[in-house]
PDB file of all heavy atoms in Angstrom:
ATOM      1  N   VAL A   1       8.451 -11.110  15.413  1.00  0.00           N
ATOM      2  CA  VAL A   1       9.751 -10.743  14.844  1.00  0.00           C
ATOM      3  C   VAL A   1       9.873  -9.217  14.693  1.00  0.00           C
ATOM      4  O   VAL A   1      10.092  -8.702  13.601  1.00  0.00           O
ATOM      5  CB  VAL A   1       9.998 -11.460  13.496  1.00  0.00           C
ATOM      6  CG1 VAL A   1      10.301 -12.934  13.710  1.00  0.00           C
ATOM      7  CG2 VAL A   1       8.828 -11.270  12.538  1.00  0.00           C
ATOM      8  N   PRO A   2       9.743  -8.472  15.805  1.00  0.00           N
ATOM      9  CA  PRO A   2       9.811  -7.014  15.700  1.00  0.00           C
ATOM     10  C   PRO A   2      11.144  -6.514  15.143  1.00  0.00           C
ATOM     11  O   PRO A   2      11.194  -5.448  14.523  1.00  0.00           O
ATOM     12  CB  PRO A   2       9.589  -6.542  17.138  1.00  0.00           C
ATOM     13  CG  PRO A   2       9.967  -7.705  17.991  1.00  0.00           C
ATOM     14  CD  PRO A   2       9.605  -8.920  17.184  1.00  0.00           C
ATOM     15  N   GLU A   3      12.202  -7.293  15.337  1.00  0.00           N
ATOM     16  CA  GLU A   3      13.506  -6.876  14.828  1.00  0.00           C
ATOM     17  C   GLU A   3      13.516  -6.779  13.302  1.00  0.00           C
ATOM     18  O   GLU A   3      14.200  -5.914  12.735  1.00  0.00           O
ATOM     19  CB  GLU A   3      14.620  -7.811  15.330  1.00  0.00           C
ATOM     20  CG  GLU A   3      14.569  -9.239  14.816  1.00  0.00           C
ATOM     21  CD  GLU A   3      13.577 -10.157  15.524  1.00  0.00           C
ATOM     22  OE1 GLU A   3      12.873  -9.741  16.463  1.00  0.00           O
ATOM     23  OE2 GLU A   3      13.500 -11.335  15.116  1.00  0.00           O
ATOM     24  N   ILE A   4      12.736  -7.626  12.639  1.00  0.00           N
ATOM     25  CA  ILE A   4      12.685  -7.553  11.174  1.00  0.00           C
ATOM     26  C   ILE A   4      11.898  -6.327  10.739  1.00  0.00           C
ATOM     27  O   ILE A   4      12.302  -5.600   9.826  1.00  0.00           O
ATOM     28  CB  ILE A   4      12.106  -8.855  10.574  1.00  0.00           C
ATOM     29  CG1 ILE A   4      13.037 -10.039  10.911  1.00  0.00           C
ATOM     30  CG2 ILE A   4      11.927  -8.718   9.059  1.00  0.00           C
ATOM     31  CD1 ILE A   4      12.521 -11.383  10.447  1.00  0.00           C
ATOM     32  N   TRP A   5      10.781  -6.065  11.391  1.00  0.00           N
ATOM     33  CA  TRP A   5      10.012  -4.847  11.097  1.00  0.00           C
ATOM     34  C   TRP A   5      10.917  -3.624  11.282  1.00  0.00           C
ATOM     35  O   TRP A   5      10.912  -2.712  10.452  1.00  0.00           O
ATOM     36  CB  TRP A   5       8.802  -4.730  12.011  1.00  0.00           C
ATOM     37  CG  TRP A   5       7.689  -5.697  11.749  1.00  0.00           C
ATOM     38  CD1 TRP A   5       7.559  -6.949  12.285  1.00  0.00           C
ATOM     39  CD2 TRP A   5       6.547  -5.501  10.914  1.00  0.00           C
ATOM     40  NE1 TRP A   5       6.402  -7.536  11.830  1.00  0.00           N
ATOM     41  CE2 TRP A   5       5.759  -6.678  10.993  1.00  0.00           C
ATOM     42  CE3 TRP A   5       6.113  -4.451  10.119  1.00  0.00           C
ATOM     43  CZ2 TRP A   5       4.563  -6.818  10.303  1.00  0.00           C
ATOM     44  CZ3 TRP A   5       4.903  -4.589   9.433  1.00  0.00           C
ATOM     45  CH2 TRP A   5       4.150  -5.760   9.523  1.00  0.00           C
ATOM     46  N   ASN A   6      11.685  -3.609  12.365  1.00  0.00           N
ATOM     47  CA  ASN A   6      12.567  -2.473  12.640  1.00  0.00           C
ATOM     48  C   ASN A   6      13.633  -2.330  11.564  1.00  0.00           C
ATOM     49  O   ASN A   6      13.965  -1.208  11.161  1.00  0.00           O
ATOM     50  CB  ASN A   6      13.197  -2.600  14.021  1.00  0.00           C
ATOM     51  CG  ASN A   6      12.172  -2.464  15.134  1.00  0.00           C
ATOM     52  OD1 ASN A   6      11.091  -1.903  14.944  1.00  0.00           O
ATOM     53  ND2 ASN A   6      12.490  -2.994  16.292  1.00  0.00           N
ATOM     54  N   LEU A   7      14.187  -3.451  11.090  1.00  0.00           N
ATOM     55  CA  LEU A   7      15.149  -3.403   9.986  1.00  0.00           C
ATOM     56  C   LEU A   7      14.520  -2.772   8.748  1.00  0.00           C
ATOM     57  O   LEU A   7      15.140  -1.958   8.059  1.00  0.00           O
ATOM     58  CB  LEU A   7      15.632  -4.807   9.626  1.00  0.00           C
ATOM     59  CG  LEU A   7      16.711  -5.439  10.466  1.00  0.00           C
ATOM     60  CD1 LEU A   7      16.875  -6.912  10.105  1.00  0.00           C
ATOM     61  CD2 LEU A   7      18.032  -4.701  10.265  1.00  0.00           C
ATOM     62  N   LEU A   8      13.289  -3.168   8.468  1.00  0.00           N
ATOM     63  CA  LEU A   8      12.617  -2.684   7.260  1.00  0.00           C
ATOM     64  C   LEU A   8      12.252  -1.201   7.333  1.00  0.00           C
ATOM     65  O   LEU A   8      11.938  -0.593   6.307  1.00  0.00           O
ATOM     66  CB  LEU A   8      11.393  -3.545   6.961  1.00  0.00           C
ATOM     67  CG  LEU A   8      11.732  -4.988   6.562  1.00  0.00           C
ATOM     68  CD1 LEU A   8      10.458  -5.816   6.412  1.00  0.00           C
ATOM     69  CD2 LEU A   8      12.564  -5.031   5.294  1.00  0.00           C
ATOM     70  N   ASP A   9      12.316  -0.614   8.530  1.00  0.00           N
ATOM     71  CA  ASP A   9      12.100   0.838   8.639  1.00  0.00           C
ATOM     72  C   ASP A   9      13.173   1.620   7.878  1.00  0.00           C
ATOM     73  O   ASP A   9      12.977   2.788   7.558  1.00  0.00           O
ATOM     74  CB  ASP A   9      12.074   1.279  10.106  1.00  0.00           C
ATOM     75  CG  ASP A   9      10.772   0.922  10.793  1.00  0.00           C
ATOM     76  OD1 ASP A   9       9.745   0.737  10.105  1.00  0.00           O
ATOM     77  OD2 ASP A   9      10.777   0.833  12.037  1.00  0.00           O
ATOM     78  N   SER A  10      14.289   0.970   7.567  1.00  0.00           N
ATOM     79  CA  SER A  10      15.356   1.643   6.818  1.00  0.00           C
ATOM     80  C   SER A  10      15.106   1.628   5.314  1.00  0.00           C
ATOM     81  O   SER A  10      15.787   2.318   4.559  1.00  0.00           O
ATOM     82  CB  SER A  10      16.714   0.996   7.116  1.00  0.00           C
ATOM     83  OG  SER A  10      16.777  -0.304   6.555  1.00  0.00           O
ATOM     84  N   VAL A  11      14.122   0.850   4.857  1.00  0.00           N
ATOM     85  CA  VAL A  11      13.815   0.777   3.428  1.00  0.00           C
ATOM     86  C   VAL A  11      12.904   1.948   3.067  1.00  0.00           C
ATOM     87  O   VAL A  11      11.804   2.080   3.589  1.00  0.00           O
ATOM     88  CB  VAL A  11      13.162  -0.575   3.062  1.00  0.00           C
ATOM     89  CG1 VAL A  11      12.792  -0.601   1.580  1.00  0.00           C
ATOM     90  CG2 VAL A  11      14.079  -1.730   3.420  1.00  0.00           C
ATOM     91  N   LYS A  12      13.402   2.783   2.186  1.00  0.00           N
ATOM     92  CA  LYS A  12      12.685   4.000   1.796  1.00  0.00           C
ATOM     93  C   LYS A  12      11.959   3.825   0.467  1.00  0.00           C
ATOM     94  O   LYS A  12      12.294   2.956  -0.340  1.00  0.00           O
ATOM     95  CB  LYS A  12      13.663   5.177   1.667  1.00  0.00           C
ATOM     96  CG  LYS A  12      14.506   5.436   2.912  1.00  0.00           C
ATOM     97  CD  LYS A  12      13.668   5.815   4.091  1.00  0.00           C
ATOM     98  CE  LYS A  12      14.543   6.140   5.297  1.00  0.00           C
ATOM     99  NZ  LYS A  12      13.803   6.318   6.511  1.00  0.00           N
ATOM    100  N   ASP A  13      10.982   4.669   0.246  1.00  0.00           N
ATOM    101  CA  ASP A  13      10.308   4.734  -1.043  1.00  0.00           C
ATOM    102  C   ASP A  13      11.330   5.300  -2.035  1.00  0.00           C
ATOM    103  O   ASP A  13      11.851   6.397  -1.814  1.00  0.00           O
ATOM    104  CB  ASP A  13       9.090   5.659  -0.939  1.00  0.00           C
ATOM    105  CG  ASP A  13       8.359   5.857  -2.251  1.00  0.00           C
ATOM    106  OD1 ASP A  13       8.917   5.558  -3.330  1.00  0.00           O
ATOM    107  OD2 ASP A  13       7.220   6.332  -2.207  1.00  0.00           O
ATOM    108  N   PRO A  14      11.654   4.588  -3.121  1.00  0.00           N
ATOM    109  CA  PRO A  14      12.670   5.097  -4.052  1.00  0.00           C
ATOM    110  C   PRO A  14      12.274   6.394  -4.755  1.00  0.00           C
ATOM    111  O   PRO A  14      13.135   7.141  -5.201  1.00  0.00           O
ATOM    112  CB  PRO A  14      12.860   3.955  -5.050  1.00  0.00           C
ATOM    113  CG  PRO A  14      11.658   3.096  -4.909  1.00  0.00           C
ATOM    114  CD  PRO A  14      11.132   3.286  -3.514  1.00  0.00           C
ATOM    115  N   GLU A  15      10.981   6.677  -4.834  1.00  0.00           N
ATOM    116  CA  GLU A  15      10.532   7.919  -5.469  1.00  0.00           C
ATOM    117  C   GLU A  15      10.454   9.077  -4.480  1.00  0.00           C
ATOM    118  O   GLU A  15      10.467  10.238  -4.880  1.00  0.00           O
ATOM    119  CB  GLU A  15       9.169   7.712  -6.130  1.00  0.00           C
ATOM    120  CG  GLU A  15       9.239   6.717  -7.276  1.00  0.00           C
ATOM    121  CD  GLU A  15       7.875   6.351  -7.843  1.00  0.00           C
ATOM    122  OE1 GLU A  15       6.855   6.494  -7.149  1.00  0.00           O
ATOM    123  OE2 GLU A  15       7.846   5.906  -8.997  1.00  0.00           O
ATOM    124  N   VAL A  16      10.341   8.766  -3.205  1.00  0.00           N
ATOM    125  CA  VAL A  16      10.305   9.786  -2.138  1.00  0.00           C
ATOM    126  C   VAL A  16      11.193   9.261  -1.009  1.00  0.00           C
ATOM    127  O   VAL A  16      10.690   8.715  -0.028  1.00  0.00           O
ATOM    128  CB  VAL A  16       8.865  10.042  -1.637  1.00  0.00           C
ATOM    129  CG1 VAL A  16       8.846  11.231  -0.680  1.00  0.00           C
ATOM    130  CG2 VAL A  16       7.892  10.275  -2.784  1.00  0.00           C
ATOM    131  N   PRO A  17      12.506   9.392  -1.152  1.00  0.00           N
ATOM    132  CA  PRO A  17      13.435   8.722  -0.233  1.00  0.00           C
ATOM    133  C   PRO A  17      13.471   9.261   1.195  1.00  0.00           C
ATOM    134  O   PRO A  17      14.314   8.833   1.979  1.00  0.00           O
ATOM    135  CB  PRO A  17      14.787   8.895  -0.930  1.00  0.00           C
ATOM    136  CG  PRO A  17      14.623  10.099  -1.785  1.00  0.00           C
ATOM    137  CD  PRO A  17      13.186  10.118  -2.218  1.00  0.00           C
ATOM    138  N   VAL A  18      12.545  10.126   1.547  1.00  0.00           N
ATOM    139  CA  VAL A  18      12.497  10.626   2.932  1.00  0.00           C
ATOM    140  C   VAL A  18      11.474   9.873   3.776  1.00  0.00           C
ATOM    141  O   VAL A  18      11.377  10.107   4.976  1.00  0.00           O
ATOM    142  CB  VAL A  18      12.214  12.144   3.000  1.00  0.00           C
ATOM    143  CG1 VAL A  18      13.362  12.928   2.368  1.00  0.00           C
ATOM    144  CG2 VAL A  18      10.887  12.486   2.343  1.00  0.00           C
ATOM    145  N   ILE A  19      10.699   8.969   3.131  1.00  0.00           N
ATOM    146  CA  ILE A  19       9.724   8.197   3.907  1.00  0.00           C
ATOM    147  C   ILE A  19       9.955   6.703   3.697  1.00  0.00           C
ATOM    148  O   ILE A  19      10.317   6.255   2.612  1.00  0.00           O
ATOM    149  CB  ILE A  19       8.256   8.566   3.580  1.00  0.00           C
ATOM    150  CG1 ILE A  19       7.937   8.399   2.108  1.00  0.00           C
ATOM    151  CG2 ILE A  19       7.935   9.967   4.035  1.00  0.00           C
ATOM    152  CD1 ILE A  19       6.489   8.642   1.766  1.00  0.00           C
ATOM    153  N   SER A  20       9.743   5.949   4.763  1.00  0.00           N
ATOM    154  CA  SER A  20       9.936   4.506   4.702  1.00  0.00           C
ATOM    155  C   SER A  20       8.705   3.839   4.092  1.00  0.00           C
ATOM    156  O   SER A  20       7.618   4.431   4.048  1.00  0.00           O
ATOM    157  CB  SER A  20      10.189   3.942   6.097  1.00  0.00           C
ATOM    158  OG  SER A  20       8.996   3.950   6.857  1.00  0.00           O
ATOM    159  N   ILE A  21       8.899   2.588   3.688  1.00  0.00           N
ATOM    160  CA  ILE A  21       7.769   1.853   3.133  1.00  0.00           C
ATOM    161  C   ILE A  21       6.717   1.584   4.206  1.00  0.00           C
ATOM    162  O   ILE A  21       5.546   1.417   3.891  1.00  0.00           O
ATOM    163  CB  ILE A  21       8.213   0.550   2.426  1.00  0.00           C
ATOM    164  CG1 ILE A  21       8.948  -0.389   3.383  1.00  0.00           C
ATOM    165  CG2 ILE A  21       9.045   0.879   1.191  1.00  0.00           C
ATOM    166  CD1 ILE A  21       9.263  -1.753   2.804  1.00  0.00           C
ATOM    167  N   TRP A  22       7.123   1.587   5.476  1.00  0.00           N
ATOM    168  CA  TRP A  22       6.153   1.458   6.569  1.00  0.00           C
ATOM    169  C   TRP A  22       5.328   2.746   6.675  1.00  0.00           C
ATOM    170  O   TRP A  22       4.095   2.708   6.724  1.00  0.00           O
ATOM    171  CB  TRP A  22       6.828   1.150   7.900  1.00  0.00           C
ATOM    172  CG  TRP A  22       5.869   1.263   9.048  1.00  0.00           C
ATOM    173  CD1 TRP A  22       5.796   2.285   9.955  1.00  0.00           C
ATOM    174  CD2 TRP A  22       4.811   0.367   9.386  1.00  0.00           C
ATOM    175  NE1 TRP A  22       4.752   2.070  10.837  1.00  0.00           N
ATOM    176  CE2 TRP A  22       4.138   0.895  10.502  1.00  0.00           C
ATOM    177  CE3 TRP A  22       4.357  -0.837   8.850  1.00  0.00           C
ATOM    178  CZ2 TRP A  22       3.047   0.258  11.095  1.00  0.00           C
ATOM    179  CZ3 TRP A  22       3.277  -1.466   9.441  1.00  0.00           C
ATOM    180  CH2 TRP A  22       2.631  -0.921  10.557  1.00  0.00           C
ATOM    181  N   GLU A  23       6.005   3.901   6.715  1.00  0.00           N
ATOM    182  CA  GLU A  23       5.307   5.185   6.849  1.00  0.00           C
ATOM    183  C   GLU A  23       4.367   5.429   5.674  1.00  0.00           C
ATOM    184  O   GLU A  23       3.299   6.005   5.842  1.00  0.00           O
ATOM    185  CB  GLU A  23       6.319   6.334   6.936  1.00  0.00           C
ATOM    186  CG  GLU A  23       7.149   6.322   8.187  1.00  0.00           C
ATOM    187  CD  GLU A  23       8.309   7.289   8.118  1.00  0.00           C
ATOM    188  OE1 GLU A  23       8.997   7.347   7.072  1.00  0.00           O
ATOM    189  OE2 GLU A  23       8.541   7.988   9.122  1.00  0.00           O
ATOM    190  N   LEU A  24       4.777   4.963   4.494  1.00  0.00           N
ATOM    191  CA  LEU A  24       3.956   5.124   3.296  1.00  0.00           C
ATOM    192  C   LEU A  24       2.719   4.229   3.331  1.00  0.00           C
ATOM    193  O   LEU A  24       1.721   4.520   2.689  1.00  0.00           O
ATOM    194  CB  LEU A  24       4.798   4.826   2.054  1.00  0.00           C
ATOM    195  CG  LEU A  24       4.158   5.006   0.690  1.00  0.00           C
ATOM    196  CD1 LEU A  24       3.660   6.433   0.484  1.00  0.00           C
ATOM    197  CD2 LEU A  24       5.132   4.616  -0.399  1.00  0.00           C
ATOM    198  N   GLY A  25       2.778   3.158   4.105  1.00  0.00           N
ATOM    199  CA  GLY A  25       1.652   2.227   4.180  1.00  0.00           C
ATOM    200  C   GLY A  25       1.782   1.057   3.241  1.00  0.00           C
ATOM    201  O   GLY A  25       0.848   0.264   3.091  1.00  0.00           O
ATOM    202  N   VAL A  26       2.938   0.901   2.606  1.00  0.00           N
ATOM    203  CA  VAL A  26       3.168  -0.170   1.646  1.00  0.00           C
ATOM    204  C   VAL A  26       3.507  -1.490   2.343  1.00  0.00           C
ATOM    205  O   VAL A  26       3.053  -2.549   1.924  1.00  0.00           O
ATOM    206  CB  VAL A  26       4.299   0.243   0.658  1.00  0.00           C
ATOM    207  CG1 VAL A  26       4.791  -0.934  -0.157  1.00  0.00           C
ATOM    208  CG2 VAL A  26       3.801   1.363  -0.242  1.00  0.00           C
ATOM    209  N   LEU A  27       4.280  -1.430   3.418  1.00  0.00           N
ATOM    210  CA  LEU A  27       4.680  -2.639   4.141  1.00  0.00           C
ATOM    211  C   LEU A  27       3.485  -3.181   4.912  1.00  0.00           C
ATOM    212  O   LEU A  27       2.937  -2.506   5.784  1.00  0.00           O
ATOM    213  CB  LEU A  27       5.835  -2.325   5.097  1.00  0.00           C
ATOM    214  CG  LEU A  27       6.347  -3.471   5.968  1.00  0.00           C
ATOM    215  CD1 LEU A  27       6.815  -4.648   5.131  1.00  0.00           C
ATOM    216  CD2 LEU A  27       7.462  -2.968   6.870  1.00  0.00           C
ATOM    217  N   GLN A  28       3.069  -4.415   4.584  1.00  0.00           N
ATOM    218  CA  GLN A  28       1.858  -4.996   5.160  1.00  0.00           C
ATOM    219  C   GLN A  28       2.113  -6.030   6.244  1.00  0.00           C
ATOM    220  O   GLN A  28       1.441  -6.032   7.267  1.00  0.00           O
ATOM    221  CB  GLN A  28       1.018  -5.648   4.057  1.00  0.00           C
ATOM    222  CG  GLN A  28       0.495  -4.668   3.045  1.00  0.00           C
ATOM    223  CD  GLN A  28      -0.438  -3.657   3.649  1.00  0.00           C
ATOM    224  OE1 GLN A  28      -1.342  -4.006   4.390  1.00  0.00           O
ATOM    225  NE2 GLN A  28      -0.231  -2.395   3.346  1.00  0.00           N
ATOM    226  N   ASP A  29       3.058  -6.935   6.003  1.00  0.00           N
ATOM    227  CA  ASP A  29       3.240  -8.023   6.955  1.00  0.00           C
ATOM    228  C   ASP A  29       4.625  -8.628   6.810  1.00  0.00           C
ATOM    229  O   ASP A  29       5.255  -8.532   5.745  1.00  0.00           O
ATOM    230  CB  ASP A  29       2.182  -9.116   6.709  1.00  0.00           C
ATOM    231  CG  ASP A  29       1.916  -9.978   7.943  1.00  0.00           C
ATOM    232  OD1 ASP A  29       2.548  -9.760   8.997  1.00  0.00           O
ATOM    233  OD2 ASP A  29       1.063 -10.872   7.849  1.00  0.00           O
ATOM    234  N   VAL A  30       5.089  -9.250   7.899  1.00  0.00           N
ATOM    235  CA  VAL A  30       6.357  -9.962   7.936  1.00  0.00           C
ATOM    236  C   VAL A  30       6.109 -11.275   8.664  1.00  0.00           C
ATOM    237  O   VAL A  30       5.594 -11.272   9.786  1.00  0.00           O
ATOM    238  CB  VAL A  30       7.445  -9.156   8.683  1.00  0.00           C
ATOM    239  CG1 VAL A  30       8.725  -9.970   8.798  1.00  0.00           C
ATOM    240  CG2 VAL A  30       7.705  -7.815   8.010  1.00  0.00           C
ATOM    241  N   LEU A  31       6.445 -12.366   8.001  1.00  0.00           N
ATOM    242  CA  LEU A  31       6.298 -13.688   8.601  1.00  0.00           C
ATOM    243  C   LEU A  31       7.603 -14.452   8.445  1.00  0.00           C
ATOM    244  O   LEU A  31       8.299 -14.289   7.435  1.00  0.00           O
ATOM    245  CB  LEU A  31       5.178 -14.469   7.926  1.00  0.00           C
ATOM    246  CG  LEU A  31       3.773 -13.865   7.995  1.00  0.00           C
ATOM    247  CD1 LEU A  31       2.823 -14.626   7.088  1.00  0.00           C
ATOM    248  CD2 LEU A  31       3.269 -13.880   9.427  1.00  0.00           C
ATOM    249  N   VAL A  32       7.924 -15.278   9.436  1.00  0.00           N
ATOM    250  CA  VAL A  32       9.083 -16.150   9.344  1.00  0.00           C
ATOM    251  C   VAL A  32       8.598 -17.579   9.534  1.00  0.00           C
ATOM    252  O   VAL A  32       7.954 -17.892  10.534  1.00  0.00           O
ATOM    253  CB  VAL A  32      10.153 -15.792  10.400  1.00  0.00           C
ATOM    254  CG1 VAL A  32      11.324 -16.759  10.325  1.00  0.00           C
ATOM    255  CG2 VAL A  32      10.632 -14.357  10.216  1.00  0.00           C
ATOM    256  N   THR A  33       8.892 -18.416   8.538  1.00  0.00           N
ATOM    257  CA  THR A  33       8.513 -19.827   8.576  1.00  0.00           C
ATOM    258  C   THR A  33       9.730 -20.666   8.210  1.00  0.00           C
ATOM    259  O   THR A  33      10.288 -20.492   7.119  1.00  0.00           O
ATOM    260  CB  THR A  33       7.373 -20.106   7.573  1.00  0.00           C
ATOM    261  OG1 THR A  33       6.310 -19.189   7.804  1.00  0.00           O
ATOM    262  CG2 THR A  33       6.857 -21.528   7.716  1.00  0.00           C
ATOM    263  N   ASP A  34      10.138 -21.523   9.125  1.00  0.00           N
ATOM    264  CA  ASP A  34      11.302 -22.391   8.899  1.00  0.00           C
ATOM    265  C   ASP A  34      12.521 -21.599   8.435  1.00  0.00           C
ATOM    266  O   ASP A  34      13.238 -22.018   7.523  1.00  0.00           O
ATOM    267  CB  ASP A  34      10.968 -23.489   7.879  1.00  0.00           C
ATOM    268  CG  ASP A  34       9.854 -24.406   8.349  1.00  0.00           C
ATOM    269  OD1 ASP A  34       9.776 -24.660   9.570  1.00  0.00           O
ATOM    270  OD2 ASP A  34       9.058 -24.851   7.497  1.00  0.00           O
ATOM    271  N   GLY A  35      12.743 -20.454   9.032  1.00  0.00           N
ATOM    272  CA  GLY A  35      13.908 -19.629   8.714  1.00  0.00           C
ATOM    273  C   GLY A  35      13.769 -18.754   7.487  1.00  0.00           C
ATOM    274  O   GLY A  35      14.655 -17.954   7.198  1.00  0.00           O
ATOM    275  N   ALA A  36      12.690 -18.895   6.739  1.00  0.00           N
ATOM    276  CA  ALA A  36      12.464 -18.070   5.548  1.00  0.00           C
ATOM    277  C   ALA A  36      11.596 -16.876   5.922  1.00  0.00           C
ATOM    278  O   ALA A  36      10.593 -17.016   6.614  1.00  0.00           O
ATOM    279  CB  ALA A  36      11.791 -18.886   4.456  1.00  0.00           C
ATOM    280  N   VAL A  37      11.992 -15.701   5.461  1.00  0.00           N
ATOM    281  CA  VAL A  37      11.255 -14.471   5.742  1.00  0.00           C
ATOM    282  C   VAL A  37      10.373 -14.144   4.540  1.00  0.00           C
ATOM    283  O   VAL A  37      10.856 -14.085   3.405  1.00  0.00           O
ATOM    284  CB  VAL A  37      12.203 -13.285   6.013  1.00  0.00           C
ATOM    285  CG1 VAL A  37      11.410 -12.016   6.301  1.00  0.00           C
ATOM    286  CG2 VAL A  37      13.156 -13.600   7.147  1.00  0.00           C
ATOM    287  N   THR A  38       9.093 -13.945   4.799  1.00  0.00           N
ATOM    288  CA  THR A  38       8.153 -13.529   3.762  1.00  0.00           C
ATOM    289  C   THR A  38       7.643 -12.150   4.140  1.00  0.00           C
ATOM    290  O   THR A  38       7.129 -11.947   5.242  1.00  0.00           O
ATOM    291  CB  THR A  38       6.966 -14.512   3.642  1.00  0.00           C
ATOM    292  OG1 THR A  38       7.492 -15.813   3.362  1.00  0.00           O
ATOM    293  CG2 THR A  38       6.024 -14.091   2.532  1.00  0.00           C
ATOM    294  N   VAL A  39       7.813 -11.212   3.217  1.00  0.00           N
ATOM    295  CA  VAL A  39       7.378  -9.834   3.427  1.00  0.00           C
ATOM    296  C   VAL A  39       6.287  -9.527   2.416  1.00  0.00           C
ATOM    297  O   VAL A  39       6.464  -9.778   1.217  1.00  0.00           O
ATOM    298  CB  VAL A  39       8.562  -8.847   3.247  1.00  0.00           C
ATOM    299  CG1 VAL A  39       8.093  -7.409   3.419  1.00  0.00           C
ATOM    300  CG2 VAL A  39       9.692  -9.176   4.216  1.00  0.00           C
ATOM    301  N   SER A  40       5.166  -9.002   2.881  1.00  0.00           N
ATOM    302  CA  SER A  40       4.060  -8.620   2.000  1.00  0.00           C
ATOM    303  C   SER A  40       4.018  -7.107   1.860  1.00  0.00           C
ATOM    304  O   SER A  40       4.089  -6.389   2.862  1.00  0.00           O
ATOM    305  CB  SER A  40       2.728  -9.111   2.565  1.00  0.00           C
ATOM    306  OG  SER A  40       2.718 -10.515   2.639  1.00  0.00           O
ATOM    307  N   ILE A  41       3.896  -6.660   0.615  1.00  0.00           N
ATOM    308  CA  ILE A  41       3.806  -5.232   0.335  1.00  0.00           C
ATOM    309  C   ILE A  41       2.636  -4.976  -0.619  1.00  0.00           C
ATOM    310  O   ILE A  41       2.270  -5.838  -1.413  1.00  0.00           O
ATOM    311  CB  ILE A  41       5.115  -4.656  -0.260  1.00  0.00           C
ATOM    312  CG1 ILE A  41       5.532  -5.401  -1.530  1.00  0.00           C
ATOM    313  CG2 ILE A  41       6.233  -4.693   0.783  1.00  0.00           C
ATOM    314  CD1 ILE A  41       6.770  -4.830  -2.222  1.00  0.00           C
ATOM    315  N   THR A  42       2.071  -3.786  -0.519  1.00  0.00           N
ATOM    316  CA  THR A  42       0.982  -3.360  -1.395  1.00  0.00           C
ATOM    317  C   THR A  42       1.432  -2.106  -2.132  1.00  0.00           C
ATOM    318  O   THR A  42       1.796  -1.109  -1.499  1.00  0.00           O
ATOM    319  CB  THR A  42      -0.287  -3.043  -0.576  1.00  0.00           C
ATOM    320  OG1 THR A  42      -0.716  -4.236   0.075  1.00  0.00           O
ATOM    321  CG2 THR A  42      -1.402  -2.531  -1.465  1.00  0.00           C
ATOM    322  N   PRO A  43       1.436  -2.123  -3.467  1.00  0.00           N
ATOM    323  CA  PRO A  43       1.837  -0.923  -4.209  1.00  0.00           C
ATOM    324  C   PRO A  43       0.812   0.195  -4.051  1.00  0.00           C
ATOM    325  O   PRO A  43      -0.350  -0.055  -3.773  1.00  0.00           O
ATOM    326  CB  PRO A  43       1.891  -1.415  -5.664  1.00  0.00           C
ATOM    327  CG  PRO A  43       0.975  -2.587  -5.704  1.00  0.00           C
ATOM    328  CD  PRO A  43       1.027  -3.214  -4.330  1.00  0.00           C
ATOM    329  N   THR A  44       1.275   1.418  -4.252  1.00  0.00           N
ATOM    330  CA  THR A  44       0.374   2.561  -4.138  1.00  0.00           C
ATOM    331  C   THR A  44      -0.684   2.543  -5.242  1.00  0.00           C
ATOM    332  O   THR A  44      -1.750   3.106  -5.067  1.00  0.00           O
ATOM    333  CB  THR A  44       1.143   3.893  -4.190  1.00  0.00           C
ATOM    334  OG1 THR A  44       1.934   3.932  -5.386  1.00  0.00           O
ATOM    335  CG2 THR A  44       2.030   4.047  -2.963  1.00  0.00           C
ATOM    336  N   TYR A  45      -0.380   1.921  -6.356  1.00  0.00           N
ATOM    337  CA  TYR A  45      -1.384   1.617  -7.382  1.00  0.00           C
ATOM    338  C   TYR A  45      -0.853   0.435  -8.180  1.00  0.00           C
ATOM    339  O   TYR A  45       0.345   0.131  -8.123  1.00  0.00           O
ATOM    340  CB  TYR A  45      -1.734   2.826  -8.261  1.00  0.00           C
ATOM    341  CG  TYR A  45      -0.623   3.319  -9.156  1.00  0.00           C
ATOM    342  CD1 TYR A  45      -0.575   2.988 -10.498  1.00  0.00           C
ATOM    343  CD2 TYR A  45       0.381   4.140  -8.657  1.00  0.00           C
ATOM    344  CE1 TYR A  45       0.440   3.434 -11.316  1.00  0.00           C
ATOM    345  CE2 TYR A  45       1.405   4.593  -9.467  1.00  0.00           C
ATOM    346  CZ  TYR A  45       1.432   4.241 -10.793  1.00  0.00           C
ATOM    347  OH  TYR A  45       2.444   4.683 -11.600  1.00  0.00           O
ATOM    348  N   SER A  46      -1.714  -0.274  -8.881  1.00  0.00           N
ATOM    349  CA  SER A  46      -1.336  -1.562  -9.472  1.00  0.00           C
ATOM    350  C   SER A  46      -0.181  -1.481 -10.454  1.00  0.00           C
ATOM    351  O   SER A  46       0.563  -2.445 -10.599  1.00  0.00           O
ATOM    352  CB  SER A  46      -2.551  -2.227 -10.122  1.00  0.00           C
ATOM    353  OG  SER A  46      -3.046  -1.421 -11.163  1.00  0.00           O
ATOM    354  N   GLY A  47       0.026  -0.369 -11.104  1.00  0.00           N
ATOM    355  CA  GLY A  47       1.119  -0.234 -12.063  1.00  0.00           C
ATOM    356  C   GLY A  47       2.313   0.525 -11.528  1.00  0.00           C
ATOM    357  O   GLY A  47       3.147   1.000 -12.301  1.00  0.00           O
TER     358      GLY A  47
END
């Protein structure tokens, strides 16, 4: 589903709005199961 990854390139870090969550390394995975999209993200720190 590369089209979903490409869509998510428009999602920016709200604290640094010049970089995407992909560029930051937060976006981990995108899966589609039975039409439902599951996106996995990792915060820069737990809090």
